[in-house]
Amino acid sequence: MNHREIQTAHEESVLDSFASFLESQGQHLQVLKRPDPPDAIIELDGIQSWVEITDAFQSSDWARSITSYAADDSKHQPYQSRLICEPDQEACEIVRQVILKKYDKSTMNECLRSYGQGILLVGVYTPLTSPEEIVEQAGNSIKGEIERLNPIFRSIFLYRNTESGHSFTELL
């Protein structure tokens, strides 16, 4: 699979897991379209909305290593290990930056104008810190920063990979 095909399969997997998660909460999600952007136009309990999926990696080196290893259209770029002194603090900051970057994107503001508020799903690829720990340690400060911005997302969930798909933790 090439990089684009892997990204599409990843997004579909996250959407399937998110639909299962919401089903366990008594909600029903149906994917209507995949326009990119956003990653999906959905119907959630009869109300149309949209979903954007992004990932927060421990470092850009690690992201390149993982994605280049899996894709057959690029040469693998091995991860250059480094010392991580404050893994929880660093993971919280990475997630914060990834979320705020989405608020700065003009395409997200266009999605807000076209479809109303959306849902942001953030994959947490930080090996030493879980989404639950990030919400516990930095959730309130991230929410405080977001409250001052244009309300693009009505919900933000952090997720991590599990043996059976993905596990979701609500941030907003």
N, C-alpha and C. Protein backbone atom coordinates (compact mmCIF):
# COMPACT_ATOMS: atom_id res chain seq x y z
N MET A 1 0.83 -1.18 0.00
CA MET A 1 0.00 0.00 0.00
C MET A 1 0.87 1.24 0.00
N ASN A 2 0.44 2.25 -0.75
CA ASN A 2 1.19 3.50 -0.71
C ASN A 2 0.74 4.34 0.48
N HIS A 3 1.42 5.45 0.71
CA HIS A 3 1.17 6.28 1.89
C HIS A 3 -0.29 6.74 1.95
N ARG A 4 -0.83 7.20 0.83
CA ARG A 4 -2.21 7.70 0.80
C ARG A 4 -3.21 6.58 1.13
N GLU A 5 -2.97 5.39 0.59
CA GLU A 5 -3.86 4.25 0.88
C GLU A 5 -3.81 3.87 2.36
N ILE A 6 -2.62 3.94 2.95
CA ILE A 6 -2.47 3.64 4.37
C ILE A 6 -3.22 4.68 5.20
N GLN A 7 -3.10 5.95 4.83
CA GLN A 7 -3.79 7.01 5.55
C GLN A 7 -5.31 6.82 5.48
N THR A 8 -5.82 6.49 4.30
CA THR A 8 -7.26 6.25 4.14
C THR A 8 -7.71 5.07 4.99
N ALA A 9 -6.95 3.97 4.97
CA ALA A 9 -7.30 2.79 5.78
C ALA A 9 -7.26 3.14 7.27
N HIS A 10 -6.28 3.92 7.68
CA HIS A 10 -6.17 4.36 9.07
C HIS A 10 -7.41 5.17 9.47
N GLU A 11 -7.78 6.14 8.64
CA GLU A 11 -8.94 6.97 8.94
C GLU A 11 -10.22 6.15 9.00
N GLU A 12 -10.38 5.21 8.08
CA GLU A 12 -11.57 4.35 8.10
C GLU A 12 -11.62 3.49 9.36
N SER A 13 -10.47 2.99 9.77
CA SER A 13 -10.39 2.20 10.99
C SER A 13 -10.77 3.04 12.22
N VAL A 14 -10.27 4.27 12.29
CA VAL A 14 -10.59 5.16 13.41
C VAL A 14 -12.08 5.48 13.40
N LEU A 15 -12.63 5.77 12.23
CA LEU A 15 -14.07 6.06 12.14
C LEU A 15 -14.91 4.86 12.57
N ASP A 16 -14.52 3.66 12.16
CA ASP A 16 -15.25 2.44 12.56
C ASP A 16 -15.19 2.26 14.08
N SER A 17 -14.01 2.45 14.66
CA SER A 17 -13.86 2.32 16.11
C SER A 17 -14.65 3.40 16.85
N PHE A 18 -14.65 4.62 16.30
CA PHE A 18 -15.39 5.71 16.93
C PHE A 18 -16.89 5.42 16.89
N ALA A 19 -17.36 4.88 15.77
CA ALA A 19 -18.78 4.51 15.67
C ALA A 19 -19.12 3.44 16.71
N SER A 20 -18.25 2.46 16.89
CA SER A 20 -18.48 1.42 17.91
C SER A 20 -18.47 2.02 19.32
N PHE A 21 -17.54 2.94 19.57
CA PHE A 21 -17.48 3.61 20.86
C PHE A 21 -18.78 4.36 21.13
N LEU A 22 -19.24 5.12 20.16
CA LEU A 22 -20.47 5.89 20.33
C LEU A 22 -21.67 4.96 20.50
N GLU A 23 -21.67 3.84 19.77
CA GLU A 23 -22.75 2.85 19.90
C GLU A 23 -22.81 2.35 21.34
N SER A 24 -21.65 2.15 21.96
CA SER A 24 -21.62 1.69 23.36
C SER A 24 -22.15 2.76 24.32
N GLN A 25 -22.19 4.01 23.83
CA GLN A 25 -22.72 5.13 24.62
C GLN A 25 -24.19 5.43 24.27
N GLY A 26 -24.77 4.57 23.41
CA GLY A 26 -26.17 4.75 23.03
C GLY A 26 -26.38 5.72 21.87
N GLN A 27 -25.32 6.03 21.14
CA GLN A 27 -25.42 6.94 20.00
C GLN A 27 -25.16 6.17 18.71
N HIS A 28 -25.66 6.73 17.59
CA HIS A 28 -25.47 6.07 16.30
C HIS A 28 -24.78 7.03 15.34
N LEU A 29 -23.64 6.60 14.80
CA LEU A 29 -22.88 7.39 13.83
C LEU A 29 -22.90 6.67 12.50
N GLN A 30 -23.20 7.42 11.44
CA GLN A 30 -23.14 6.88 10.08
C GLN A 30 -22.28 7.82 9.24
N VAL A 31 -21.30 7.26 8.54
CA VAL A 31 -20.46 8.06 7.64
C VAL A 31 -21.24 8.24 6.34
N LEU A 32 -21.42 9.51 5.93
CA LEU A 32 -22.16 9.81 4.71
C LEU A 32 -21.22 10.02 3.52
N LYS A 33 -20.13 10.78 3.75
CA LYS A 33 -19.18 11.08 2.68
C LYS A 33 -17.78 11.20 3.28
N ARG A 34 -16.77 11.08 2.40
CA ARG A 34 -15.37 11.25 2.80
C ARG A 34 -14.71 12.29 1.89
N PRO A 35 -15.04 13.59 2.04
CA PRO A 35 -14.55 14.59 1.08
C PRO A 35 -13.08 15.00 1.23
N ASP A 36 -12.56 15.13 2.42
CA ASP A 36 -11.18 15.51 2.74
C ASP A 36 -10.77 16.86 2.16
N PRO A 37 -10.87 17.95 2.85
CA PRO A 37 -11.40 18.04 4.20
C PRO A 37 -12.92 18.22 4.21
N PRO A 38 -13.54 17.89 5.31
CA PRO A 38 -13.03 17.15 6.47
C PRO A 38 -12.86 15.68 6.12
N ASP A 39 -12.38 14.91 7.08
CA ASP A 39 -12.15 13.49 6.82
C ASP A 39 -13.44 12.72 6.64
N ALA A 40 -14.53 13.20 7.23
CA ALA A 40 -15.83 12.53 7.03
C ALA A 40 -16.97 13.50 7.33
N ILE A 41 -18.01 13.40 6.51
CA ILE A 41 -19.30 14.01 6.81
C ILE A 41 -20.10 12.87 7.42
N ILE A 42 -20.69 13.13 8.58
CA ILE A 42 -21.37 12.07 9.30
C ILE A 42 -22.80 12.48 9.65
N GLU A 43 -23.55 11.48 10.05
CA GLU A 43 -24.82 11.73 10.71
C GLU A 43 -24.72 11.08 12.08
N LEU A 44 -24.93 11.88 13.11
CA LEU A 44 -24.83 11.40 14.49
C LEU A 44 -26.20 11.58 15.13
N ASP A 45 -26.86 10.47 15.38
CA ASP A 45 -28.21 10.49 15.94
C ASP A 45 -29.14 11.38 15.13
N GLY A 46 -29.05 11.27 13.81
CA GLY A 46 -29.95 11.99 12.91
C GLY A 46 -29.53 13.42 12.60
N ILE A 47 -28.41 13.89 13.17
CA ILE A 47 -27.94 15.25 12.95
C ILE A 47 -26.64 15.20 12.15
N GLN A 48 -26.60 15.95 11.04
CA GLN A 48 -25.39 15.96 10.21
C GLN A 48 -24.28 16.75 10.89
N SER A 49 -23.08 16.24 10.82
CA SER A 49 -21.90 16.88 11.39
C SER A 49 -20.69 16.45 10.57
N TRP A 50 -19.52 16.63 11.09
CA TRP A 50 -18.29 16.24 10.40
C TRP A 50 -17.22 15.85 11.40
N VAL A 51 -16.24 15.08 10.90
CA VAL A 51 -15.15 14.58 11.72
C VAL A 51 -13.82 14.90 11.04
N GLU A 52 -12.89 15.37 11.84
CA GLU A 52 -11.51 15.55 11.39
C GLU A 52 -10.64 14.65 12.26
N ILE A 53 -9.71 13.93 11.63
CA ILE A 53 -8.82 13.01 12.33
C ILE A 53 -7.39 13.51 12.17
N THR A 54 -6.67 13.54 13.26
CA THR A 54 -5.26 13.94 13.22
C THR A 54 -4.50 13.10 14.22
N ASP A 55 -3.20 13.13 14.15
CA ASP A 55 -2.37 12.33 15.05
C ASP A 55 -1.32 13.19 15.72
N ALA A 56 -1.03 12.86 16.98
CA ALA A 56 0.00 13.53 17.76
C ALA A 56 1.08 12.50 18.08
N PHE A 57 2.22 12.61 17.42
CA PHE A 57 3.34 11.70 17.62
C PHE A 57 4.35 12.31 18.58
N GLN A 58 5.09 11.45 19.28
CA GLN A 58 6.12 11.90 20.21
C GLN A 58 7.10 12.85 19.52
N SER A 59 7.37 12.59 18.24
CA SER A 59 8.24 13.47 17.47
C SER A 59 7.96 13.26 15.99
N SER A 60 8.36 14.22 15.18
CA SER A 60 8.18 14.09 13.74
C SER A 60 9.06 12.96 13.18
N ASP A 61 10.23 12.73 13.80
CA ASP A 61 11.10 11.61 13.39
C ASP A 61 10.37 10.28 13.55
N TRP A 62 9.70 10.13 14.67
CA TRP A 62 8.99 8.88 14.94
C TRP A 62 7.83 8.69 13.96
N ALA A 63 7.12 9.77 13.68
CA ALA A 63 6.01 9.72 12.72
C ALA A 63 6.52 9.28 11.35
N ARG A 64 7.62 9.89 10.90
CA ARG A 64 8.19 9.52 9.59
C ARG A 64 8.64 8.07 9.58
N SER A 65 9.24 7.60 10.66
CA SER A 65 9.71 6.22 10.74
C SER A 65 8.54 5.24 10.62
N ILE A 66 7.48 5.50 11.36
CA ILE A 66 6.32 4.60 11.34
C ILE A 66 5.66 4.59 9.96
N THR A 67 5.41 5.77 9.42
CA THR A 67 4.68 5.83 8.15
C THR A 67 5.54 5.39 6.97
N SER A 68 6.83 5.68 7.01
CA SER A 68 7.68 5.26 5.89
C SER A 68 7.91 3.75 5.92
N TYR A 69 7.92 3.14 7.09
CA TYR A 69 8.10 1.69 7.18
C TYR A 69 6.91 0.96 6.57
N ALA A 70 5.72 1.48 6.78
CA ALA A 70 4.50 0.81 6.33
C ALA A 70 4.22 1.04 4.85
N ALA A 71 4.67 2.14 4.29
CA ALA A 71 4.33 2.48 2.91
C ALA A 71 5.33 1.88 1.92
N ASP A 72 4.80 1.34 0.83
CA ASP A 72 5.69 0.76 -0.18
C ASP A 72 6.14 1.79 -1.22
N ASP A 73 5.68 3.03 -1.10
CA ASP A 73 6.09 4.06 -2.05
C ASP A 73 7.14 5.02 -1.47
N SER A 74 7.71 4.65 -0.32
CA SER A 74 8.77 5.48 0.26
C SER A 74 9.78 4.59 0.97
N LYS A 75 11.01 5.09 1.04
CA LYS A 75 12.07 4.36 1.72
C LYS A 75 11.94 4.58 3.22
N HIS A 76 12.14 3.51 4.00
CA HIS A 76 12.02 3.62 5.45
C HIS A 76 13.05 4.58 6.00
N GLN A 77 12.59 5.49 6.85
CA GLN A 77 13.47 6.44 7.52
C GLN A 77 13.50 6.07 9.00
N PRO A 78 14.54 5.37 9.44
CA PRO A 78 14.59 4.90 10.83
C PRO A 78 14.51 6.04 11.84
N TYR A 79 13.94 5.73 12.97
CA TYR A 79 13.80 6.69 14.07
C TYR A 79 15.16 6.92 14.71
N GLN A 80 15.48 8.17 14.91
CA GLN A 80 16.71 8.54 15.63
C GLN A 80 16.32 8.75 17.09
N SER A 81 16.63 7.78 17.93
CA SER A 81 16.20 7.86 19.33
C SER A 81 16.82 9.07 20.02
N ARG A 82 16.11 9.51 21.05
CA ARG A 82 16.58 10.66 21.83
C ARG A 82 16.11 10.48 23.26
N LEU A 83 16.73 11.19 24.14
CA LEU A 83 16.37 11.15 25.54
C LEU A 83 15.10 11.98 25.77
N ILE A 84 14.14 11.40 26.45
CA ILE A 84 12.90 12.11 26.80
C ILE A 84 12.92 12.28 28.32
N CYS A 85 13.11 13.51 28.77
CA CYS A 85 13.27 13.76 30.21
C CYS A 85 11.94 13.91 30.94
N GLU A 86 10.97 14.53 30.33
CA GLU A 86 9.66 14.78 30.94
C GLU A 86 8.59 14.24 29.99
N PRO A 87 8.41 12.92 29.90
CA PRO A 87 7.51 12.37 28.88
C PRO A 87 6.06 12.84 28.99
N ASP A 88 5.53 12.94 30.19
CA ASP A 88 4.14 13.38 30.33
C ASP A 88 3.97 14.83 29.89
N GLN A 89 4.85 15.69 30.37
CA GLN A 89 4.80 17.10 30.00
C GLN A 89 4.96 17.28 28.49
N GLU A 90 5.90 16.55 27.92
CA GLU A 90 6.14 16.65 26.49
C GLU A 90 4.93 16.15 25.69
N ALA A 91 4.33 15.05 26.10
CA ALA A 91 3.16 14.51 25.41
C ALA A 91 1.99 15.49 25.49
N CYS A 92 1.77 16.08 26.65
CA CYS A 92 0.70 17.07 26.81
C CYS A 92 0.91 18.26 25.87
N GLU A 93 2.14 18.71 25.78
CA GLU A 93 2.45 19.85 24.91
C GLU A 93 2.26 19.49 23.43
N ILE A 94 2.66 18.29 23.04
CA ILE A 94 2.49 17.86 21.65
C ILE A 94 1.00 17.82 21.29
N VAL A 95 0.19 17.23 22.16
CA VAL A 95 -1.25 17.16 21.90
C VAL A 95 -1.85 18.57 21.84
N ARG A 96 -1.45 19.43 22.76
CA ARG A 96 -1.93 20.81 22.77
C ARG A 96 -1.61 21.50 21.44
N GLN A 97 -0.38 21.36 20.97
CA GLN A 97 0.03 21.99 19.71
C GLN A 97 -0.75 21.45 18.52
N VAL A 98 -0.96 20.14 18.49
CA VAL A 98 -1.70 19.53 17.38
C VAL A 98 -3.14 20.05 17.35
N ILE A 99 -3.77 20.13 18.51
CA ILE A 99 -5.15 20.62 18.57
C ILE A 99 -5.22 22.08 18.15
N LEU A 100 -4.35 22.92 18.70
CA LEU A 100 -4.38 24.35 18.36
C LEU A 100 -4.08 24.59 16.89
N LYS A 101 -3.24 23.75 16.31
CA LYS A 101 -2.92 23.87 14.88
C LYS A 101 -4.19 23.67 14.04
N LYS A 102 -5.05 22.75 14.45
CA LYS A 102 -6.31 22.53 13.72
C LYS A 102 -7.20 23.76 13.79
N TYR A 103 -7.19 24.47 14.92
CA TYR A 103 -7.98 25.68 15.06
C TYR A 103 -7.47 26.80 14.17
N ASP A 104 -6.19 26.75 13.78
CA ASP A 104 -5.59 27.77 12.92
C ASP A 104 -5.81 27.52 11.43
N LYS A 105 -6.24 26.32 11.08
CA LYS A 105 -6.36 25.97 9.65
C LYS A 105 -7.60 26.61 9.04
N SER A 106 -7.40 27.26 7.90
CA SER A 106 -8.53 27.89 7.21
C SER A 106 -9.55 26.84 6.75
N THR A 107 -9.08 25.64 6.42
CA THR A 107 -10.03 24.60 5.97
C THR A 107 -10.97 24.19 7.10
N MET A 108 -10.52 24.24 8.34
CA MET A 108 -11.39 23.89 9.46
C MET A 108 -12.46 24.97 9.65
N ASN A 109 -12.07 26.23 9.47
CA ASN A 109 -13.05 27.32 9.54
C ASN A 109 -14.06 27.22 8.41
N GLU A 110 -13.61 26.79 7.22
CA GLU A 110 -14.54 26.57 6.10
C GLU A 110 -15.51 25.44 6.43
N CYS A 111 -15.03 24.37 7.07
CA CYS A 111 -15.91 23.27 7.48
C CYS A 111 -16.94 23.76 8.49
N LEU A 112 -16.52 24.62 9.42
CA LEU A 112 -17.44 25.18 10.40
C LEU A 112 -18.54 25.98 9.70
N ARG A 113 -18.16 26.80 8.73
CA ARG A 113 -19.16 27.60 8.00
C ARG A 113 -20.09 26.71 7.19
N SER A 114 -19.57 25.64 6.60
CA SER A 114 -20.39 24.78 5.73
C SER A 114 -21.25 23.79 6.49
N TYR A 115 -20.72 23.22 7.59
CA TYR A 115 -21.39 22.10 8.24
C TYR A 115 -21.71 22.32 9.72
N GLY A 116 -21.31 23.45 10.29
CA GLY A 116 -21.47 23.64 11.73
C GLY A 116 -20.27 23.04 12.46
N GLN A 117 -20.39 22.96 13.78
CA GLN A 117 -19.29 22.45 14.59
C GLN A 117 -19.04 20.97 14.31
N GLY A 118 -17.77 20.59 14.35
CA GLY A 118 -17.38 19.22 14.07
C GLY A 118 -16.83 18.50 15.29
N ILE A 119 -16.29 17.34 15.03
CA ILE A 119 -15.69 16.49 16.05
C ILE A 119 -14.24 16.26 15.64
N LEU A 120 -13.32 16.49 16.56
CA LEU A 120 -11.90 16.26 16.31
C LEU A 120 -11.45 15.01 17.05
N LEU A 121 -10.83 14.10 16.32
CA LEU A 121 -10.27 12.88 16.90
C LEU A 121 -8.75 12.96 16.79
N VAL A 122 -8.06 12.90 17.93
CA VAL A 122 -6.60 13.05 17.96
C VAL A 122 -5.97 11.74 18.43
N GLY A 123 -5.24 11.10 17.53
CA GLY A 123 -4.51 9.89 17.89
C GLY A 123 -3.28 10.26 18.70
N VAL A 124 -3.10 9.60 19.83
CA VAL A 124 -1.97 9.88 20.72
C VAL A 124 -0.95 8.77 20.56
N TYR A 125 0.17 9.11 19.90
CA TYR A 125 1.26 8.16 19.67
C TYR A 125 2.47 8.59 20.47
N THR A 126 2.28 8.56 21.78
CA THR A 126 3.33 8.90 22.74
C THR A 126 3.48 7.67 23.64
N PRO A 127 4.57 6.94 23.53
CA PRO A 127 4.66 5.62 24.16
C PRO A 127 4.61 5.60 25.68
N LEU A 128 4.88 6.72 26.33
CA LEU A 128 4.97 6.71 27.78
C LEU A 128 3.80 7.40 28.47
N THR A 129 2.90 8.00 27.68
CA THR A 129 1.79 8.76 28.26
C THR A 129 0.50 8.42 27.51
N SER A 130 -0.53 8.08 28.25
CA SER A 130 -1.81 7.69 27.64
C SER A 130 -2.72 8.90 27.45
N PRO A 131 -3.73 8.78 26.59
CA PRO A 131 -4.71 9.86 26.45
C PRO A 131 -5.38 10.23 27.77
N GLU A 132 -5.66 9.22 28.59
CA GLU A 132 -6.29 9.49 29.89
C GLU A 132 -5.40 10.37 30.76
N GLU A 133 -4.11 10.10 30.75
CA GLU A 133 -3.17 10.91 31.54
C GLU A 133 -3.07 12.33 30.99
N ILE A 134 -3.13 12.46 29.67
CA ILE A 134 -3.06 13.80 29.06
C ILE A 134 -4.29 14.61 29.46
N VAL A 135 -5.47 14.00 29.40
CA VAL A 135 -6.69 14.71 29.79
C VAL A 135 -6.62 15.09 31.27
N GLU A 136 -6.14 14.17 32.10
CA GLU A 136 -6.04 14.44 33.53
C GLU A 136 -5.05 15.57 33.83
N GLN A 137 -3.90 15.55 33.14
CA GLN A 137 -2.84 16.51 33.46
C GLN A 137 -2.98 17.85 32.74
N ALA A 138 -3.50 17.84 31.52
CA ALA A 138 -3.52 19.08 30.73
C ALA A 138 -4.89 19.42 30.16
N GLY A 139 -5.88 18.60 30.42
CA GLY A 139 -7.20 18.81 29.83
C GLY A 139 -7.78 20.17 30.12
N ASN A 140 -7.74 20.60 31.37
CA ASN A 140 -8.33 21.90 31.73
C ASN A 140 -7.60 23.06 31.07
N SER A 141 -6.28 23.01 31.01
CA SER A 141 -5.54 24.12 30.39
C SER A 141 -5.77 24.15 28.88
N ILE A 142 -5.85 22.98 28.24
CA ILE A 142 -6.14 22.94 26.79
C ILE A 142 -7.54 23.49 26.55
N LYS A 143 -8.52 23.06 27.34
CA LYS A 143 -9.89 23.56 27.20
C LYS A 143 -9.94 25.07 27.40
N GLY A 144 -9.16 25.57 28.36
CA GLY A 144 -9.11 27.02 28.60
C GLY A 144 -8.62 27.79 27.39
N GLU A 145 -7.62 27.26 26.71
CA GLU A 145 -7.11 27.92 25.50
C GLU A 145 -8.13 27.85 24.37
N ILE A 146 -8.79 26.70 24.23
CA ILE A 146 -9.76 26.51 23.16
C ILE A 146 -10.98 27.42 23.34
N GLU A 147 -11.39 27.66 24.57
CA GLU A 147 -12.58 28.48 24.83
C GLU A 147 -12.45 29.89 24.27
N ARG A 148 -11.24 30.37 24.10
CA ARG A 148 -11.01 31.71 23.57
C ARG A 148 -11.01 31.74 22.05
N LEU A 149 -11.10 30.58 21.42
CA LEU A 149 -11.02 30.49 19.97
C LEU A 149 -12.40 30.29 19.34
N ASN A 150 -12.44 30.41 18.02
CA ASN A 150 -13.67 30.14 17.27
C ASN A 150 -14.11 28.70 17.58
N PRO A 151 -15.36 28.47 17.93
CA PRO A 151 -15.81 27.13 18.36
C PRO A 151 -15.97 26.15 17.20
N ILE A 152 -14.87 25.78 16.58
CA ILE A 152 -14.88 24.90 15.41
C ILE A 152 -15.37 23.50 15.78
N PHE A 153 -14.90 23.00 16.93
CA PHE A 153 -15.23 21.63 17.33
C PHE A 153 -16.14 21.63 18.54
N ARG A 154 -17.22 20.84 18.47
CA ARG A 154 -18.10 20.71 19.63
C ARG A 154 -17.58 19.63 20.57
N SER A 155 -16.78 18.71 20.02
CA SER A 155 -16.20 17.62 20.81
C SER A 155 -14.79 17.34 20.32
N ILE A 156 -13.92 17.00 21.27
CA ILE A 156 -12.57 16.54 20.95
C ILE A 156 -12.33 15.28 21.76
N PHE A 157 -11.92 14.23 21.07
CA PHE A 157 -11.58 12.97 21.72
C PHE A 157 -10.13 12.63 21.39
N LEU A 158 -9.41 12.15 22.40
CA LEU A 158 -8.08 11.59 22.19
C LEU A 158 -8.27 10.09 22.08
N TYR A 159 -7.48 9.45 21.22
CA TYR A 159 -7.59 8.00 21.11
C TYR A 159 -6.21 7.37 21.04
N ARG A 160 -6.19 6.08 21.37
CA ARG A 160 -4.97 5.29 21.25
C ARG A 160 -5.33 3.95 20.63
N ASN A 161 -4.35 3.31 20.07
CA ASN A 161 -4.55 1.98 19.49
C ASN A 161 -4.72 0.95 20.60
N THR A 162 -5.59 -0.02 20.35
CA THR A 162 -5.74 -1.16 21.25
C THR A 162 -5.73 -2.42 20.40
N GLU A 163 -5.74 -3.56 21.05
CA GLU A 163 -5.75 -4.83 20.31
C GLU A 163 -7.01 -4.97 19.46
N SER A 164 -8.10 -4.37 19.90
CA SER A 164 -9.36 -4.53 19.17
C SER A 164 -9.77 -3.29 18.38
N GLY A 165 -8.89 -2.33 18.23
CA GLY A 165 -9.22 -1.12 17.47
C GLY A 165 -8.64 0.11 18.12
N HIS A 166 -9.50 0.94 18.71
CA HIS A 166 -9.07 2.17 19.34
C HIS A 166 -9.88 2.43 20.59
N SER A 167 -9.26 3.09 21.55
CA SER A 167 -9.93 3.47 22.79
C SER A 167 -9.99 5.00 22.81
N PHE A 168 -11.16 5.56 23.15
CA PHE A 168 -11.39 6.99 23.10
C PHE A 168 -11.57 7.59 24.49
N THR A 169 -11.00 8.79 24.67
CA THR A 169 -11.14 9.55 25.90
C THR A 169 -11.57 10.96 25.53
N GLU A 170 -12.65 11.43 26.12
CA GLU A 170 -13.17 12.75 25.77
C GLU A 170 -12.36 13.84 26.44
N LEU A 171 -11.99 14.84 25.65
CA LEU A 171 -11.29 16.02 26.15
C LEU A 171 -12.27 17.19 26.25
N LEU A 172 -13.09 17.36 25.23
CA LEU A 172 -14.02 18.49 25.16
C LEU A 172 -15.39 17.98 24.76
